[in-house]
C-alpha atoms as a PDB file:
ATOM      1  CA  MET A   1      87.401  84.808 107.441  1.00  0.00           C
ATOM      2  CA  LYS A   2      89.569  88.436 105.916  1.00  0.00           C
ATOM      3  CA  THR A   3      93.007  88.417 106.759  1.00  0.00           C
ATOM      4  CA  GLU A   4      94.070  91.989 108.913  1.00  0.00           C
ATOM      5  CA  ILE A   5      96.813  93.508 108.046  1.00  0.00           C
ATOM      6  CA  LYS A   6      97.986  94.648 111.033  1.00  0.00           C
ATOM      7  CA  HIS A   7     100.293  98.477 110.095  1.00  0.00           C
ATOM      8  CA  PRO A   8      98.068  99.124 106.974  1.00  0.00           C
ATOM      9  CA  PRO A   9      99.355 102.092 104.799  1.00  0.00           C
ATOM     10  CA  ARG A  10      98.334 105.704 105.937  1.00  0.00           C
ATOM     11  CA  PRO A  11      94.974 107.768 104.818  1.00  0.00           C
ATOM     12  CA  GLY A  12      96.469 109.581 102.407  1.00  0.00           C
ATOM     13  CA  ASP A  13      99.339 106.571 101.003  1.00  0.00           C
ATOM     14  CA  LEU A  14      98.232 106.316  96.923  1.00  0.00           C
ATOM     15  CA  PRO A  15      98.730 102.997  95.409  1.00  0.00           C
ATOM     16  CA  ARG A  16     102.258 102.293  94.014  1.00  0.00           C
ATOM     17  CA  LEU A  17     100.800 103.837  89.813  1.00  0.00           C
ATOM     18  CA  GLN A  18      99.408 106.873  91.004  1.00  0.00           C
ATOM     19  CA  LEU A  19     101.990 106.658  93.281  1.00  0.00           C
ATOM     20  CA  ALA A  20     104.664 106.942  91.145  1.00  0.00           C
ATOM     21  CA  ALA A  21     102.715 108.878  88.290  1.00  0.00           C
ATOM     22  CA  LEU A  22     102.777 111.702  91.207  1.00  0.00           C
ATOM     23  CA  ALA A  23     106.286 112.170  91.841  1.00  0.00           C
ATOM     24  CA  ASN A  24     106.953 112.213  87.321  1.00  0.00           C
ATOM     25  CA  GLN A  25     104.307 115.324  87.783  1.00  0.00           C
ATOM     26  CA  GLU A  26     105.937 117.420  90.112  1.00  0.00           C
ATOM     27  CA  ILE A  27     109.726 116.064  89.276  1.00  0.00           C
ATOM     28  CA  GLU A  28     108.590 117.749  85.863  1.00  0.00           C
ATOM     29  CA  ARG A  29     106.881 120.684  87.839  1.00  0.00           C
ATOM     30  CA  TYR A  30     110.254 121.555  90.047  1.00  0.00           C
ATOM     31  CA  GLY A  31     112.335 121.382  86.635  1.00  0.00           C
ATOM     32  CA  GLY A  32     113.596 118.059  86.265  1.00  0.00           C
ATOM     33  CA  PRO A  33     115.696 115.599  88.207  1.00  0.00           C
ATOM     34  CA  ASP A  34     118.243 117.937  88.375  1.00  0.00           C
ATOM     35  CA  LYS A  35     116.235 120.325  91.162  1.00  0.00           C
ATOM     36  CA  CYS A  36     113.726 117.896  92.217  1.00  0.00           C
ATOM     37  CA  HIS A  37     114.912 114.599  94.111  1.00  0.00           C
ATOM     38  CA  VAL A  38     111.572 112.460  95.561  1.00  0.00           C
ATOM     39  CA  ASN A  39     112.461 110.515  98.684  1.00  0.00           C
ATOM     40  CA  PHE A  40     109.245 107.441  98.770  1.00  0.00           C
ATOM     41  CA  LYS A  41     107.845 106.950 102.003  1.00  0.00           C
ATOM     42  CA  PHE A  42     105.844 103.677 103.259  1.00  0.00           C
ATOM     43  CA  THR A  43     104.883 102.358 106.195  1.00  0.00           C
ATOM     44  CA  CYS A  44     106.903  98.862 107.692  1.00  0.00           C
ATOM     45  CA  SER A  45     104.315  95.965 108.426  1.00  0.00           C
ATOM     46  CA  HIS A  46     106.315  94.707 110.947  1.00  0.00           C
ATOM     47  CA  CYS A  47     106.180  97.630 112.887  1.00  0.00           C
ATOM     48  CA  GLY A  48     104.233 100.386 111.705  1.00  0.00           C
ATOM     49  CA  ALA A  49     106.795 102.917 111.128  1.00  0.00           C
ATOM     50  CA  ARG A  50     107.567 105.342 108.898  1.00  0.00           C
ATOM     51  CA  CYS A  51     110.644 104.700 106.134  1.00  0.00           C
ATOM     52  CA  SER A  52     111.811 106.284 103.022  1.00  0.00           C
ATOM     53  CA  LEU A  53     113.631 104.771 100.419  1.00  0.00           C
ATOM     54  CA  VAL A  54     117.474 106.375 100.887  1.00  0.00           C
ATOM     55  CA  GLU A  55     117.972 106.137  96.849  1.00  0.00           C
ATOM     56  CA  PRO A  56     115.866 109.594  95.955  1.00  0.00           C
ATOM     57  CA  ASN A  57     113.869 108.892  92.438  1.00  0.00           C
ATOM     58  CA  THR A  58     113.150 105.281  93.136  1.00  0.00           C
ATOM     59  CA  LEU A  59     110.575 103.515  94.019  1.00  0.00           C
ATOM     60  CA  TYR A  60     111.651  99.874  94.762  1.00  0.00           C
ATOM     61  CA  GLU A  61     108.979  96.593  94.871  1.00  0.00           C
ATOM     62  CA  GLU A  62     110.678  96.035  98.610  1.00  0.00           C
ATOM     63  CA  GLY A  63     112.268  98.350 101.201  1.00  0.00           C
ATOM     64  CA  GLU A  64     113.562  98.006 104.209  1.00  0.00           C
ATOM     65  CA  CYS A  65     112.514  99.010 108.095  1.00  0.00           C
ATOM     66  CA  CYS A  66     114.143 102.016 109.869  1.00  0.00           C
ATOM     67  CA  VAL A  67     113.189 100.762 112.861  1.00  0.00           C
ATOM     68  CA  CYS A  68     113.487  97.429 112.544  1.00  0.00           C
ATOM     69  CA  HIS A  69     114.388  96.443 109.879  1.00  0.00           C
ATOM     70  CA  GLY A  70     112.449  93.707 108.755  1.00  0.00           C
ATOM     71  CA  SER A  71     110.778  93.720 105.017  1.00  0.00           C
ATOM     72  CA  THR A  72     107.732  95.665 103.208  1.00  0.00           C
ATOM     73  CA  THR A  73     107.111  94.469 100.071  1.00  0.00           C
ATOM     74  CA  ILE A  74     105.113  98.751  98.882  1.00  0.00           C
ATOM     75  CA  THR A  75     102.191  98.362  97.581  1.00  0.00           C
ATOM     76  CA  HIS A  76     101.216 102.095  99.148  1.00  0.00           C
ATOM     77  CA  GLY A  77     103.258 105.081 100.014  1.00  0.00           C
ATOM     78  CA  GLY A  78     103.640 109.103  99.801  1.00  0.00           C
ATOM     79  CA  LEU A  79     106.386 111.074  98.807  1.00  0.00           C
ATOM     80  CA  ALA A  80     109.332 113.314 100.494  1.00  0.00           C
ATOM     81  CA  LEU A  81     109.720 116.240  97.868  1.00  0.00           C
ATOM     82  CA  HIS A  82     113.900 118.125  98.636  1.00  0.00           C
ATOM     83  CA  LEU A  83     114.356 120.533  95.798  1.00  0.00           C
ATOM     84  CA  LYS A  84     117.261 122.195  94.742  1.00  0.00           C
ATOM     85  CA  LEU A  85     117.507 125.938  95.579  1.00  0.00           C
END
């Protein structure tokens, strides 16, 4: 019997290795880490909230939910780019 994930990754989320590769590509595309910050996003496995990691350009193994404060192992996620003009 297969265990269903209560709150699976969202459509479009990438596996960790692909997500990290995309982040590195975007950082280089926009001029390096001084000009482009990436904040990684994940879906809380406990409550389903969409949360972002606070430290830019860092993809942790786990994230704390911004709503329920539960801990989620980050297997998939998305990203937000912040560019310095």
